[in-house]
Amino acid sequence: MRLTRLVVADDIPGRWWIKEPLIDYARSHQIEHGRPPSWWPLTSGLDCPFCIGLWIAGGVALIDEVAGDSRWWRLLTSALALNEAAAHIGSRLGDVADDGALDDDEDED
């Protein structure tokens, strides 16, 4: 779930490392060849948590099978799961600060 959110909703890596480089490459391809690349329609799935979630779940299941009982794999998956749980609980409790919240707190000191 956390990996899906990283791609679909977060700036890093979703927007900056995945979406924007694909868009830039497609634009340069269209300029060079006069048409977008054949895979371009598939990029609309990058905003769909169900689409991305399916591919990520498949990759995680495959890695889980290969990694077996690796302590590092358990540590990574546990950290991602706990991070998503904390973010979800925080958003439900209203703990997510907007961009200007830090500036307001500094003025009061």
Protein backbone atom coordinates (compact mmCIF):
# COMPACT_ATOMS: atom_id res chain seq x y z
CA MET A 1 0.00 0.00 0.00
CA ARG A 2 2.80 2.41 0.82
CA LEU A 3 4.64 1.69 -2.43
CA THR A 4 1.44 2.32 -4.37
CA ARG A 5 1.02 5.68 -2.65
CA LEU A 6 4.64 6.58 -3.41
CA VAL A 7 3.95 6.20 -7.13
CA VAL A 8 0.40 7.55 -7.32
CA ALA A 9 0.29 10.42 -4.83
CA ASP A 10 3.76 11.43 -3.59
CA ASP A 11 6.15 13.82 -5.30
CA ILE A 12 9.18 11.63 -4.62
CA PRO A 13 9.45 9.19 -6.39
CA GLY A 14 6.04 9.29 -8.10
CA ARG A 15 6.00 12.63 -9.80
CA TRP A 16 9.69 13.55 -9.96
CA TRP A 17 11.31 10.17 -10.64
CA ILE A 18 8.62 8.32 -12.59
CA LYS A 19 5.88 10.49 -14.11
CA GLU A 20 7.82 13.60 -15.18
CA PRO A 21 10.70 11.64 -16.79
CA LEU A 22 8.17 9.57 -18.76
CA ILE A 23 6.33 12.71 -19.88
CA ASP A 24 9.60 14.39 -20.91
CA TYR A 25 10.70 11.29 -22.84
CA ALA A 26 7.32 11.06 -24.59
CA ARG A 27 7.51 14.73 -25.60
CA SER A 28 11.00 14.34 -27.03
CA HIS A 29 9.89 11.16 -28.82
CA GLN A 30 6.90 13.00 -30.32
CA ILE A 31 9.10 15.87 -31.49
CA GLU A 32 11.59 13.46 -33.04
CA HIS A 33 9.14 10.97 -34.60
CA GLY A 34 5.99 13.05 -35.00
CA ARG A 35 3.91 10.78 -32.78
CA PRO A 36 3.88 9.75 -29.12
CA PRO A 37 5.47 6.43 -28.19
CA SER A 38 3.26 3.33 -28.46
CA TRP A 39 3.31 2.84 -24.66
CA TRP A 40 2.03 6.35 -23.96
CA PRO A 41 -1.65 5.35 -23.30
CA LEU A 42 -0.43 3.03 -20.52
CA THR A 43 0.90 5.99 -18.53
CA SER A 44 -2.65 7.02 -17.62
CA GLY A 45 -2.51 4.07 -15.21
CA LEU A 46 0.18 5.83 -13.17
CA ASP A 47 -2.56 7.86 -11.47
CA CYS A 48 -4.68 4.80 -10.69
CA PRO A 49 -3.98 3.18 -7.30
CA PHE A 50 -5.70 -0.02 -8.40
CA CYS A 51 -3.57 -0.32 -11.57
CA ILE A 52 -0.26 0.48 -9.87
CA GLY A 53 -1.22 -1.57 -6.81
CA LEU A 54 -1.69 -4.68 -8.95
CA TRP A 55 1.77 -4.42 -10.52
CA ILE A 56 3.48 -3.56 -7.24
CA ALA A 57 1.70 -6.41 -5.43
CA GLY A 58 2.88 -8.82 -8.12
CA GLY A 59 6.45 -7.57 -7.78
CA VAL A 60 6.37 -7.72 -3.99
CA ALA A 61 4.95 -11.27 -4.08
CA LEU A 62 7.71 -12.33 -6.48
CA ILE A 63 10.45 -10.73 -4.38
CA ASP A 64 8.94 -12.24 -1.25
CA GLU A 65 9.17 -15.68 -2.82
CA VAL A 66 12.81 -15.13 -3.82
CA ALA A 67 13.86 -13.42 -0.57
CA GLY A 68 12.39 -16.16 1.57
CA ASP A 69 13.11 -15.55 5.23
CA SER A 70 15.50 -12.64 4.71
CA ARG A 71 15.75 -10.33 7.71
CA TRP A 72 16.42 -7.34 5.43
CA TRP A 73 13.27 -8.02 3.42
CA ARG A 74 11.18 -8.31 6.60
CA LEU A 75 12.71 -5.08 7.91
CA LEU A 76 11.92 -3.20 4.68
CA THR A 77 8.35 -4.47 4.38
CA SER A 78 7.69 -3.85 8.08
CA ALA A 79 9.00 -0.28 7.83
CA LEU A 80 6.82 0.45 4.80
CA ALA A 81 3.75 -1.06 6.48
CA LEU A 82 4.28 0.89 9.71
CA ASN A 83 4.88 4.11 7.77
CA GLU A 84 1.61 3.69 5.88
CA ALA A 85 -0.29 2.85 9.07
CA ALA A 86 1.09 5.95 10.82
CA ALA A 87 0.26 8.17 7.83
CA HIS A 88 -3.26 6.76 7.58
CA ILE A 89 -3.96 7.18 11.28
CA GLY A 90 -2.47 10.68 11.25
CA SER A 91 -4.62 11.73 8.31
CA ARG A 92 -7.75 10.39 10.02
CA LEU A 93 -6.90 12.31 13.20
CA GLY A 94 -6.21 15.51 11.29
CA ASP A 95 -2.49 15.56 12.06
CA VAL A 96 -1.45 16.34 8.49
CA ALA A 97 -0.12 19.91 8.39
CA ASP A 98 -0.59 22.14 5.39
CA ASP A 99 2.39 23.90 3.77
CA GLY A 100 2.00 27.11 5.78
CA ALA A 101 1.61 25.49 9.20
CA LEU A 102 5.32 25.53 9.98
CA ASP A 103 5.63 29.22 9.14
CA ASP A 104 2.77 30.11 11.51
CA ASP A 105 4.34 28.18 14.39
CA GLU A 106 7.68 29.94 13.95
CA ASP A 107 6.06 33.38 14.17
CA GLU A 108 4.57 32.59 17.58
CA ASP A 109 7.96 31.84 19.20
